Structures are given as structure tokens and as C-alpha cells.
Amino acid sequence: MHQGIGLDRFNAMTRDRAVHALFEVCCNVTWAATLADARPYPNRDALLAKADLGLLALSRSDLDRAFDSVVHERVTQRSVTELARIVRDRIDQMLGPTEGYPEY
């Protein structure tokens, strides 16, 4: 999983790599592509807000598939609100600290 890449590196990734990183978050290609195509994000909050809006646009079957992909997460109910919480946590893990971790 992409972890600690930072927002600047995420914004600078090729489209394919950004879609792949986001697909790891929610397992929905359409959602991932929509978020990748909306780059660059000025800050983390803008990315998280766009992610929330993207989740609201998913069909019930897409939401079910997304929940199936987060089986290791603590889920109390299969709602968009619950999925948004999980996705926000996963995006935070993907980005890591504000500047990201150094590349080695």
C-alpha cells in the first residue's frame, strides 16, 4: 500500500499511479479516477472533501464492493458515513505527515 507519500508527491504522480494509490483506499476505479483527475489538491482537506463527495456518488453495488474491500476494518454499519470514516483514515495513512516520508 502507498503509505506516507505526502500530498505534494501524490499531486505529482502520474495519473495511473495516483489511480492505483487511491484504488488501494476504496477499491473503486471510477472513484479513484475521479479523485486522481481532480488533482492538484491545495491541501489535505480538499482531497478529503472530494473523496466524501465521490463516495456519495457511488451506487449501492459499488458501496457494497467497497465495504467488501475493507473487511479488516472495524465496521459497525454499512453506511456511506462509515465508509467515509474508513476512507478518510486510509487517505491519512496514504499521505502520512504533511510533507510525507522521505524517499530512500
PDB file of N, CA and C in Angstrom:
ATOM      1  N   MET A   1       0.844  -1.177   0.000  1.00  0.00           N
ATOM      2  CA  MET A   1       0.000   0.000   0.000  1.00  0.00           C
ATOM      3  C   MET A   1       0.891   1.243   0.000  1.00  0.00           C
ATOM      4  N   HIS A   2       0.450   2.253  -0.700  1.00  0.00           N
ATOM      5  CA  HIS A   2       1.153   3.533  -0.697  1.00  0.00           C
ATOM      6  C   HIS A   2       0.949   4.149   0.682  1.00  0.00           C
ATOM      7  N   GLN A   3       2.032   4.399   1.387  1.00  0.00           N
ATOM      8  CA  GLN A   3       1.930   4.994   2.718  1.00  0.00           C
ATOM      9  C   GLN A   3       2.946   6.109   2.863  1.00  0.00           C
ATOM     10  N   GLY A   4       2.461   7.213   3.434  1.00  0.00           N
ATOM     11  CA  GLY A   4       3.355   8.313   3.738  1.00  0.00           C
ATOM     12  C   GLY A   4       3.934   9.025   2.532  1.00  0.00           C
ATOM     13  N   ILE A   5       3.167   9.084   1.441  1.00  0.00           N
ATOM     14  CA  ILE A   5       3.723   9.700   0.229  1.00  0.00           C
ATOM     15  C   ILE A   5       3.644  11.224   0.256  1.00  0.00           C
ATOM     16  N   GLY A   6       2.800  11.778   1.103  1.00  0.00           N
ATOM     17  CA  GLY A   6       2.649  13.227   1.168  1.00  0.00           C
ATOM     18  C   GLY A   6       1.788  13.751   0.027  1.00  0.00           C
ATOM     19  N   LEU A   7       1.156  14.876   0.262  1.00  0.00           N
ATOM     20  CA  LEU A   7       0.259  15.454  -0.735  1.00  0.00           C
ATOM     21  C   LEU A   7       1.008  15.930  -1.974  1.00  0.00           C
ATOM     22  N   ASP A   8       2.170  16.515  -1.799  1.00  0.00           N
ATOM     23  CA  ASP A   8       2.920  17.013  -2.959  1.00  0.00           C
ATOM     24  C   ASP A   8       3.291  15.878  -3.910  1.00  0.00           C
ATOM     25  N   ARG A   9       3.781  14.775  -3.356  1.00  0.00           N
ATOM     26  CA  ARG A   9       4.126  13.635  -4.224  1.00  0.00           C
ATOM     27  C   ARG A   9       2.882  13.030  -4.857  1.00  0.00           C
ATOM     28  N   PHE A  10       1.782  12.968  -4.082  1.00  0.00           N
ATOM     29  CA  PHE A  10       0.535  12.454  -4.641  1.00  0.00           C
ATOM     30  C   PHE A  10       0.091  13.327  -5.818  1.00  0.00           C
ATOM     31  N   ASN A  11       0.134  14.631  -5.640  1.00  0.00           N
ATOM     32  CA  ASN A  11      -0.262  15.550  -6.716  1.00  0.00           C
ATOM     33  C   ASN A  11       0.634  15.403  -7.944  1.00  0.00           C
ATOM     34  N   ALA A  12       1.897  15.057  -7.740  1.00  0.00           N
ATOM     35  CA  ALA A  12       2.863  14.970  -8.843  1.00  0.00           C
ATOM     36  C   ALA A  12       2.893  13.595  -9.520  1.00  0.00           C
ATOM     37  N   MET A  13       2.241  12.606  -8.953  1.00  0.00           N
ATOM     38  CA  MET A  13       2.250  11.256  -9.546  1.00  0.00           C
ATOM     39  C   MET A  13       1.619  11.264 -10.925  1.00  0.00           C
ATOM     40  N   THR A  14       2.006  10.286 -11.725  1.00  0.00           N
ATOM     41  CA  THR A  14       1.285  10.098 -12.978  1.00  0.00           C
ATOM     42  C   THR A  14      -0.151   9.714 -12.641  1.00  0.00           C
ATOM     43  N   ARG A  15      -1.027   9.896 -13.585  1.00  0.00           N
ATOM     44  CA  ARG A  15      -2.438   9.550 -13.356  1.00  0.00           C
ATOM     45  C   ARG A  15      -2.588   8.088 -12.967  1.00  0.00           C
ATOM     46  N   ASP A  16      -1.909   7.209 -13.680  1.00  0.00           N
ATOM     47  CA  ASP A  16      -2.031   5.775 -13.397  1.00  0.00           C
ATOM     48  C   ASP A  16      -1.593   5.443 -11.972  1.00  0.00           C
ATOM     49  N   ARG A  17      -0.493   6.017 -11.536  1.00  0.00           N
ATOM     50  CA  ARG A  17      -0.016   5.746 -10.160  1.00  0.00           C
ATOM     51  C   ARG A  17      -0.966   6.332  -9.129  1.00  0.00           C
ATOM     52  N   ALA A  18      -1.524   7.500  -9.397  1.00  0.00           N
ATOM     53  CA  ALA A  18      -2.476   8.110  -8.457  1.00  0.00           C
ATOM     54  C   ALA A  18      -3.753   7.275  -8.369  1.00  0.00           C
ATOM     55  N   VAL A  19      -4.239   6.807  -9.516  1.00  0.00           N
ATOM     56  CA  VAL A  19      -5.428   5.946  -9.504  1.00  0.00           C
ATOM     57  C   VAL A  19      -5.133   4.679  -8.708  1.00  0.00           C
ATOM     58  N   HIS A  20      -3.965   4.095  -8.919  1.00  0.00           N
ATOM     59  CA  HIS A  20      -3.591   2.887  -8.191  1.00  0.00           C
ATOM     60  C   HIS A  20      -3.544   3.140  -6.682  1.00  0.00           C
ATOM     61  N   ALA A  21      -2.948   4.241  -6.277  1.00  0.00           N
ATOM     62  CA  ALA A  21      -2.862   4.575  -4.851  1.00  0.00           C
ATOM     63  C   ALA A  21      -4.258   4.747  -4.251  1.00  0.00           C
ATOM     64  N   LEU A  22      -5.130   5.409  -4.974  1.00  0.00           N
ATOM     65  CA  LEU A  22      -6.489   5.624  -4.479  1.00  0.00           C
ATOM     66  C   LEU A  22      -7.321   4.354  -4.540  1.00  0.00           C
ATOM     67  N   PHE A  23      -7.087   3.522  -5.524  1.00  0.00           N
ATOM     68  CA  PHE A  23      -7.802   2.245  -5.605  1.00  0.00           C
ATOM     69  C   PHE A  23      -7.516   1.411  -4.357  1.00  0.00           C
ATOM     70  N   GLU A  24      -6.302   1.482  -3.840  1.00  0.00           N
ATOM     71  CA  GLU A  24      -5.959   0.764  -2.610  1.00  0.00           C
ATOM     72  C   GLU A  24      -6.776   1.264  -1.421  1.00  0.00           C
ATOM     73  N   VAL A  25      -7.255   2.492  -1.498  1.00  0.00           N
ATOM     74  CA  VAL A  25      -8.024   3.090  -0.412  1.00  0.00           C
ATOM     75  C   VAL A  25      -9.466   2.585  -0.406  1.00  0.00           C
ATOM     76  N   CYS A  26     -10.096   2.507  -1.589  1.00  0.00           N
ATOM     77  CA  CYS A  26     -11.534   2.228  -1.653  1.00  0.00           C
ATOM     78  C   CYS A  26     -11.925   1.107  -2.615  1.00  0.00           C
ATOM     79  N   CYS A  27     -11.007   0.652  -3.430  1.00  0.00           N
ATOM     80  CA  CYS A  27     -11.263  -0.434  -4.394  1.00  0.00           C
ATOM     81  C   CYS A  27     -12.391  -0.114  -5.364  1.00  0.00           C
ATOM     82  N   ASN A  28     -12.414   1.117  -5.832  1.00  0.00           N
ATOM     83  CA  ASN A  28     -13.374   1.510  -6.849  1.00  0.00           C
ATOM     84  C   ASN A  28     -12.626   2.363  -7.877  1.00  0.00           C
ATOM     85  N   VAL A  29     -12.508   1.842  -9.089  1.00  0.00           N
ATOM     86  CA  VAL A  29     -11.715   2.511 -10.123  1.00  0.00           C
ATOM     87  C   VAL A  29     -12.329   3.847 -10.511  1.00  0.00           C
ATOM     88  N   THR A  30     -13.642   3.910 -10.652  1.00  0.00           N
ATOM     89  CA  THR A  30     -14.288   5.167 -11.044  1.00  0.00           C
ATOM     90  C   THR A  30     -14.042   6.247 -10.007  1.00  0.00           C
ATOM     91  N   TRP A  31     -14.212   5.908  -8.740  1.00  0.00           N
ATOM     92  CA  TRP A  31     -13.970   6.850  -7.647  1.00  0.00           C
ATOM     93  C   TRP A  31     -12.510   7.293  -7.652  1.00  0.00           C
ATOM     94  N   ALA A  32     -11.595   6.332  -7.778  1.00  0.00           N
ATOM     95  CA  ALA A  32     -10.161   6.635  -7.781  1.00  0.00           C
ATOM     96  C   ALA A  32      -9.790   7.535  -8.960  1.00  0.00           C
ATOM     97  N   ALA A  33     -10.324   7.248 -10.132  1.00  0.00           N
ATOM     98  CA  ALA A  33     -10.012   8.059 -11.316  1.00  0.00           C
ATOM     99  C   ALA A  33     -10.558   9.475 -11.172  1.00  0.00           C
ATOM    100  N   THR A  34     -11.750   9.610 -10.625  1.00  0.00           N
ATOM    101  CA  THR A  34     -12.338  10.932 -10.416  1.00  0.00           C
ATOM    102  C   THR A  34     -11.471  11.767  -9.489  1.00  0.00           C
ATOM    103  N   LEU A  35     -11.003  11.162  -8.406  1.00  0.00           N
ATOM    104  CA  LEU A  35     -10.140  11.891  -7.471  1.00  0.00           C
ATOM    105  C   LEU A  35      -8.785  12.208  -8.094  1.00  0.00           C
ATOM    106  N   ALA A  36      -8.228  11.261  -8.820  1.00  0.00           N
ATOM    107  CA  ALA A  36      -6.926  11.491  -9.462  1.00  0.00           C
ATOM    108  C   ALA A  36      -7.025  12.611 -10.488  1.00  0.00           C
ATOM    109  N   ASP A  37      -8.118  12.646 -11.232  1.00  0.00           N
ATOM    110  CA  ASP A  37      -8.285  13.657 -12.276  1.00  0.00           C
ATOM    111  C   ASP A  37      -8.528  15.059 -11.721  1.00  0.00           C
ATOM    112  N   ALA A  38      -8.921  15.150 -10.458  1.00  0.00           N
ATOM    113  CA  ALA A  38      -9.188  16.462  -9.847  1.00  0.00           C
ATOM    114  C   ALA A  38      -7.919  17.085  -9.247  1.00  0.00           C
ATOM    115  N   ARG A  39      -6.782  16.404  -9.359  1.00  0.00           N
ATOM    116  CA  ARG A  39      -5.524  16.958  -8.850  1.00  0.00           C
ATOM    117  C   ARG A  39      -5.102  18.153  -9.686  1.00  0.00           C
ATOM    118  N   PRO A  40      -4.337  19.060  -9.118  1.00  0.00           N
ATOM    119  CA  PRO A  40      -3.713  19.030  -7.805  1.00  0.00           C
ATOM    120  C   PRO A  40      -4.669  19.543  -6.722  1.00  0.00           C
ATOM    121  N   TYR A  41      -4.516  18.985  -5.546  1.00  0.00           N
ATOM    122  CA  TYR A  41      -5.279  19.429  -4.385  1.00  0.00           C
ATOM    123  C   TYR A  41      -4.424  20.425  -3.603  1.00  0.00           C
ATOM    124  N   PRO A  42      -5.014  21.546  -3.211  1.00  0.00           N
ATOM    125  CA  PRO A  42      -4.238  22.556  -2.487  1.00  0.00           C
ATOM    126  C   PRO A  42      -3.876  22.118  -1.068  1.00  0.00           C
ATOM    127  N   ASN A  43      -4.695  21.220  -0.506  1.00  0.00           N
ATOM    128  CA  ASN A  43      -4.435  20.744   0.854  1.00  0.00           C
ATOM    129  C   ASN A  43      -5.177  19.428   1.075  1.00  0.00           C
ATOM    130  N   ARG A  44      -4.870  18.803   2.186  1.00  0.00           N
ATOM    131  CA  ARG A  44      -5.458  17.504   2.540  1.00  0.00           C
ATOM    132  C   ARG A  44      -6.979  17.603   2.661  1.00  0.00           C
ATOM    133  N   ASP A  45      -7.462  18.691   3.252  1.00  0.00           N
ATOM    134  CA  ASP A  45      -8.905  18.845   3.438  1.00  0.00           C
ATOM    135  C   ASP A  45      -9.652  18.862   2.108  1.00  0.00           C
ATOM    136  N   ALA A  46      -9.063  19.467   1.088  1.00  0.00           N
ATOM    137  CA  ALA A  46      -9.700  19.494  -0.232  1.00  0.00           C
ATOM    138  C   ALA A  46      -9.799  18.082  -0.811  1.00  0.00           C
ATOM    139  N   LEU A  47      -8.759  17.290  -0.640  1.00  0.00           N
ATOM    140  CA  LEU A  47      -8.784  15.903  -1.102  1.00  0.00           C
ATOM    141  C   LEU A  47      -9.835  15.110  -0.340  1.00  0.00           C
ATOM    142  N   LEU A  48      -9.889  15.258   0.970  1.00  0.00           N
ATOM    143  CA  LEU A  48     -10.863  14.529   1.773  1.00  0.00           C
ATOM    144  C   LEU A  48     -12.297  14.932   1.431  1.00  0.00           C
ATOM    145  N   ALA A  49     -12.523  16.213   1.174  1.00  0.00           N
ATOM    146  CA  ALA A  49     -13.866  16.671   0.793  1.00  0.00           C
ATOM    147  C   ALA A  49     -14.279  16.073  -0.547  1.00  0.00           C
ATOM    148  N   LYS A  50     -13.351  16.050  -1.505  1.00  0.00           N
ATOM    149  CA  LYS A  50     -13.644  15.466  -2.814  1.00  0.00           C
ATOM    150  C   LYS A  50     -13.894  13.965  -2.680  1.00  0.00           C
ATOM    151  N   ALA A  51     -13.151  13.307  -1.801  1.00  0.00           N
ATOM    152  CA  ALA A  51     -13.347  11.875  -1.561  1.00  0.00           C
ATOM    153  C   ALA A  51     -14.742  11.615  -1.008  1.00  0.00           C
ATOM    154  N   ASP A  52     -15.171  12.442  -0.065  1.00  0.00           N
ATOM    155  CA  ASP A  52     -16.514  12.293   0.501  1.00  0.00           C
ATOM    156  C   ASP A  52     -17.584  12.449  -0.570  1.00  0.00           C
ATOM    157  N   LEU A  53     -17.437  13.460  -1.415  1.00  0.00           N
ATOM    158  CA  LEU A  53     -18.414  13.671  -2.492  1.00  0.00           C
ATOM    159  C   LEU A  53     -18.436  12.495  -3.454  1.00  0.00           C
ATOM    160  N   GLY A  54     -17.261  11.956  -3.737  1.00  0.00           N
ATOM    161  CA  GLY A  54     -17.182  10.795  -4.624  1.00  0.00           C
ATOM    162  C   GLY A  54     -17.889   9.579  -4.053  1.00  0.00           C
ATOM    163  N   LEU A  55     -17.780   9.389  -2.748  1.00  0.00           N
ATOM    164  CA  LEU A  55     -18.462   8.264  -2.114  1.00  0.00           C
ATOM    165  C   LEU A  55     -19.973   8.410  -2.210  1.00  0.00           C
ATOM    166  N   LEU A  56     -20.463   9.632  -2.078  1.00  0.00           N
ATOM    167  CA  LEU A  56     -21.904   9.866  -2.175  1.00  0.00           C
ATOM    168  C   LEU A  56     -22.440   9.538  -3.563  1.00  0.00           C
ATOM    169  N   ALA A  57     -21.578   9.598  -4.562  1.00  0.00           N
ATOM    170  CA  ALA A  57     -21.996   9.338  -5.942  1.00  0.00           C
ATOM    171  C   ALA A  57     -21.985   7.847  -6.294  1.00  0.00           C
ATOM    172  N   LEU A  58     -21.441   6.989  -5.410  1.00  0.00           N
ATOM    173  CA  LEU A  58     -21.356   5.562  -5.717  1.00  0.00           C
ATOM    174  C   LEU A  58     -22.733   4.898  -5.651  1.00  0.00           C
ATOM    175  N   SER A  59     -22.926   3.934  -6.512  1.00  0.00           N
ATOM    176  CA  SER A  59     -24.163   3.151  -6.487  1.00  0.00           C
ATOM    177  C   SER A  59     -24.145   2.216  -5.279  1.00  0.00           C
ATOM    178  N   ARG A  60     -25.274   1.633  -4.964  1.00  0.00           N
ATOM    179  CA  ARG A  60     -25.345   0.688  -3.838  1.00  0.00           C
ATOM    180  C   ARG A  60     -24.412  -0.497  -4.076  1.00  0.00           C
ATOM    181  N   SER A  61     -24.360  -0.997  -5.302  1.00  0.00           N
ATOM    182  CA  SER A  61     -23.476  -2.143  -5.573  1.00  0.00           C
ATOM    183  C   SER A  61     -22.002  -1.739  -5.452  1.00  0.00           C
ATOM    184  N   ASP A  62     -21.660  -0.507  -5.862  1.00  0.00           N
ATOM    185  CA  ASP A  62     -20.286  -0.022  -5.690  1.00  0.00           C
ATOM    186  C   ASP A  62     -19.951   0.118  -4.202  1.00  0.00           C
ATOM    187  N   LEU A  63     -20.901   0.605  -3.423  1.00  0.00           N
ATOM    188  CA  LEU A  63     -20.689   0.719  -1.979  1.00  0.00           C
ATOM    189  C   LEU A  63     -20.486  -0.656  -1.350  1.00  0.00           C
ATOM    190  N   ASP A  64     -21.285  -1.625  -1.774  1.00  0.00           N
ATOM    191  CA  ASP A  64     -21.139  -2.992  -1.249  1.00  0.00           C
ATOM    192  C   ASP A  64     -19.756  -3.545  -1.568  1.00  0.00           C
ATOM    193  N   ARG A  65     -19.280  -3.334  -2.789  1.00  0.00           N
ATOM    194  CA  ARG A  65     -17.938  -3.793  -3.164  1.00  0.00           C
ATOM    195  C   ARG A  65     -16.869  -3.080  -2.348  1.00  0.00           C
ATOM    196  N   ALA A  66     -17.072  -1.785  -2.117  1.00  0.00           N
ATOM    197  CA  ALA A  66     -16.112  -1.034  -1.306  1.00  0.00           C
ATOM    198  C   ALA A  66     -16.074  -1.594   0.117  1.00  0.00           C
ATOM    199  N   PHE A  67     -17.227  -1.903   0.672  1.00  0.00           N
ATOM    200  CA  PHE A  67     -17.248  -2.494   2.016  1.00  0.00           C
ATOM    201  C   PHE A  67     -16.602  -3.865   2.025  1.00  0.00           C
ATOM    202  N   ASP A  68     -16.801  -4.632   0.971  1.00  0.00           N
ATOM    203  CA  ASP A  68     -16.153  -5.945   0.895  1.00  0.00           C
ATOM    204  C   ASP A  68     -14.636  -5.814   0.881  1.00  0.00           C
ATOM    205  N   SER A  69     -14.134  -4.680   0.383  1.00  0.00           N
ATOM    206  CA  SER A  69     -12.684  -4.479   0.307  1.00  0.00           C
ATOM    207  C   SER A  69     -12.079  -4.008   1.622  1.00  0.00           C
ATOM    208  N   VAL A  70     -12.904  -3.599   2.561  1.00  0.00           N
ATOM    209  CA  VAL A  70     -12.401  -3.112   3.843  1.00  0.00           C
ATOM    210  C   VAL A  70     -12.755  -4.082   4.974  1.00  0.00           C
ATOM    211  N   VAL A  71     -12.765  -5.373   4.654  1.00  0.00           N
ATOM    212  CA  VAL A  71     -13.207  -6.384   5.617  1.00  0.00           C
ATOM    213  C   VAL A  71     -12.361  -6.400   6.889  1.00  0.00           C
ATOM    214  N   HIS A  72     -11.141  -5.925   6.844  1.00  0.00           N
ATOM    215  CA  HIS A  72     -10.281  -5.935   8.020  1.00  0.00           C
ATOM    216  C   HIS A  72     -10.451  -4.689   8.883  1.00  0.00           C
ATOM    217  N   GLU A  73     -11.288  -3.784   8.443  1.00  0.00           N
ATOM    218  CA  GLU A  73     -11.549  -2.563   9.213  1.00  0.00           C
ATOM    219  C   GLU A  73     -12.716  -2.813  10.173  1.00  0.00           C
ATOM    220  N   ARG A  74     -12.746  -2.049  11.243  1.00  0.00           N
ATOM    221  CA  ARG A  74     -13.860  -2.141  12.181  1.00  0.00           C
ATOM    222  C   ARG A  74     -15.059  -1.416  11.583  1.00  0.00           C
ATOM    223  N   VAL A  75     -16.111  -2.162  11.281  1.00  0.00           N
ATOM    224  CA  VAL A  75     -17.312  -1.597  10.668  1.00  0.00           C
ATOM    225  C   VAL A  75     -18.501  -1.896  11.574  1.00  0.00           C
ATOM    226  N   THR A  76     -19.213  -0.848  11.980  1.00  0.00           N
ATOM    227  CA  THR A  76     -20.373  -1.041  12.830  1.00  0.00           C
ATOM    228  C   THR A  76     -21.660  -1.055  12.012  1.00  0.00           C
ATOM    229  N   GLN A  77     -21.640  -0.389  10.880  1.00  0.00           N
ATOM    230  CA  GLN A  77     -22.790  -0.381   9.978  1.00  0.00           C
ATOM    231  C   GLN A  77     -22.300  -0.132   8.562  1.00  0.00           C
ATOM    232  N   ARG A  78     -23.013  -0.639   7.598  1.00  0.00           N
ATOM    233  CA  ARG A  78     -22.601  -0.474   6.201  1.00  0.00           C
ATOM    234  C   ARG A  78     -23.278   0.760   5.614  1.00  0.00           C
ATOM    235  N   SER A  79     -22.810   1.930   6.062  1.00  0.00           N
ATOM    236  CA  SER A  79     -23.375   3.195   5.593  1.00  0.00           C
ATOM    237  C   SER A  79     -22.293   4.016   4.898  1.00  0.00           C
ATOM    238  N   VAL A  80     -22.715   5.004   4.141  1.00  0.00           N
ATOM    239  CA  VAL A  80     -21.764   5.897   3.481  1.00  0.00           C
ATOM    240  C   VAL A  80     -20.932   6.633   4.528  1.00  0.00           C
ATOM    241  N   THR A  81     -21.548   6.988   5.638  1.00  0.00           N
ATOM    242  CA  THR A  81     -20.830   7.676   6.709  1.00  0.00           C
ATOM    243  C   THR A  81     -19.696   6.807   7.251  1.00  0.00           C
ATOM    244  N   GLU A  82     -19.990   5.529   7.456  1.00  0.00           N
ATOM    245  CA  GLU A  82     -18.976   4.606   7.959  1.00  0.00           C
ATOM    246  C   GLU A  82     -17.861   4.422   6.925  1.00  0.00           C
ATOM    247  N   LEU A  83     -18.232   4.279   5.665  1.00  0.00           N
ATOM    248  CA  LEU A  83     -17.226   4.128   4.615  1.00  0.00           C
ATOM    249  C   LEU A  83     -16.376   5.390   4.505  1.00  0.00           C
ATOM    250  N   ALA A  84     -17.000   6.553   4.638  1.00  0.00           N
ATOM    251  CA  ALA A  84     -16.249   7.814   4.580  1.00  0.00           C
ATOM    252  C   ALA A  84     -15.212   7.874   5.695  1.00  0.00           C
ATOM    253  N   ARG A  85     -15.568   7.413   6.891  1.00  0.00           N
ATOM    254  CA  ARG A  85     -14.618   7.396   8.008  1.00  0.00           C
ATOM    255  C   ARG A  85     -13.426   6.502   7.685  1.00  0.00           C
ATOM    256  N   ILE A  86     -13.708   5.326   7.146  1.00  0.00           N
ATOM    257  CA  ILE A  86     -12.648   4.379   6.794  1.00  0.00           C
ATOM    258  C   ILE A  86     -11.761   4.954   5.696  1.00  0.00           C
ATOM    259  N   VAL A  87     -12.381   5.527   4.686  1.00  0.00           N
ATOM    260  CA  VAL A  87     -11.637   6.096   3.554  1.00  0.00           C
ATOM    261  C   VAL A  87     -10.767   7.260   4.024  1.00  0.00           C
ATOM    262  N   ARG A  88     -11.294   8.110   4.885  1.00  0.00           N
ATOM    263  CA  ARG A  88     -10.504   9.221   5.421  1.00  0.00           C
ATOM    264  C   ARG A  88      -9.275   8.698   6.169  1.00  0.00           C
ATOM    265  N   ASP A  89      -9.485   7.662   6.980  1.00  0.00           N
ATOM    266  CA  ASP A  89      -8.350   7.066   7.702  1.00  0.00           C
ATOM    267  C   ASP A  89      -7.316   6.515   6.728  1.00  0.00           C
ATOM    268  N   ARG A  90      -7.794   5.850   5.682  1.00  0.00           N
ATOM    269  CA  ARG A  90      -6.870   5.262   4.702  1.00  0.00           C
ATOM    270  C   ARG A  90      -6.139   6.331   3.897  1.00  0.00           C
ATOM    271  N   ILE A  91      -6.818   7.427   3.563  1.00  0.00           N
ATOM    272  CA  ILE A  91      -6.151   8.528   2.859  1.00  0.00           C
ATOM    273  C   ILE A  91      -5.100   9.150   3.771  1.00  0.00           C
ATOM    274  N   ASP A  92      -5.421   9.308   5.055  1.00  0.00           N
ATOM    275  CA  ASP A  92      -4.435   9.831   6.002  1.00  0.00           C
ATOM    276  C   ASP A  92      -3.205   8.931   6.058  1.00  0.00           C
ATOM    277  N   GLN A  93      -3.396   7.607   6.037  1.00  0.00           N
ATOM    278  CA  GLN A  93      -2.264   6.677   6.021  1.00  0.00           C
ATOM    279  C   GLN A  93      -1.479   6.799   4.720  1.00  0.00           C
ATOM    280  N   MET A  94      -2.209   6.939   3.614  1.00  0.00           N
ATOM    281  CA  MET A  94      -1.557   7.060   2.316  1.00  0.00           C
ATOM    282  C   MET A  94      -0.677   8.317   2.284  1.00  0.00           C
ATOM    283  N   LEU A  95      -1.196   9.435   2.772  1.00  0.00           N
ATOM    284  CA  LEU A  95      -0.450  10.688   2.720  1.00  0.00           C
ATOM    285  C   LEU A  95       0.603  10.787   3.809  1.00  0.00           C
ATOM    286  N   GLY A  96       0.312  10.267   4.995  1.00  0.00           N
ATOM    287  CA  GLY A  96       1.252  10.377   6.100  1.00  0.00           C
ATOM    288  C   GLY A  96       1.349  11.811   6.586  1.00  0.00           C
ATOM    289  N   PRO A  97       2.504  12.203   7.129  1.00  0.00           N
ATOM    290  CA  PRO A  97       2.656  13.582   7.604  1.00  0.00           C
ATOM    291  C   PRO A  97       2.559  14.568   6.443  1.00  0.00           C
ATOM    292  N   THR A  98       2.373  15.813   6.770  1.00  0.00           N
ATOM    293  CA  THR A  98       2.141  16.848   5.756  1.00  0.00           C
ATOM    294  C   THR A  98       3.130  16.777   4.601  1.00  0.00           C
ATOM    295  N   GLU A  99       4.404  16.640   4.890  1.00  0.00           N
ATOM    296  CA  GLU A  99       5.413  16.596   3.828  1.00  0.00           C
ATOM    297  C   GLU A  99       5.702  15.183   3.336  1.00  0.00           C
ATOM    298  N   GLY A 100       5.047  14.189   3.941  1.00  0.00           N
ATOM    299  CA  GLY A 100       5.315  12.800   3.550  1.00  0.00           C
ATOM    300  C   GLY A 100       6.624  12.318   4.144  1.00  0.00           C
ATOM    301  N   TYR A 101       6.884  11.056   3.998  1.00  0.00           N
ATOM    302  CA  TYR A 101       8.133  10.479   4.471  1.00  0.00           C
ATOM    303  C   TYR A 101       9.184  10.645   3.370  1.00  0.00           C
ATOM    304  N   PRO A 102      10.448  10.754   3.731  1.00  0.00           N
ATOM    305  CA  PRO A 102      11.484  10.906   2.702  1.00  0.00           C
ATOM    306  C   PRO A 102      11.589   9.658   1.838  1.00  0.00           C
ATOM    307  N   GLU A 103      11.948   9.857   0.575  1.00  0.00           N
ATOM    308  CA  GLU A 103      12.182   8.735  -0.329  1.00  0.00           C
ATOM    309  C   GLU A 103      13.607   8.269  -0.118  1.00  0.00           C
ATOM    310  N   TYR A 104      13.794   6.963  -0.149  1.00  0.00           N
ATOM    311  CA  TYR A 104      15.140   6.413   0.022  1.00  0.00           C
ATOM    312  C   TYR A 104      15.601   5.753  -1.245  1.00  0.00           C
TER     313      TYR A 104
END
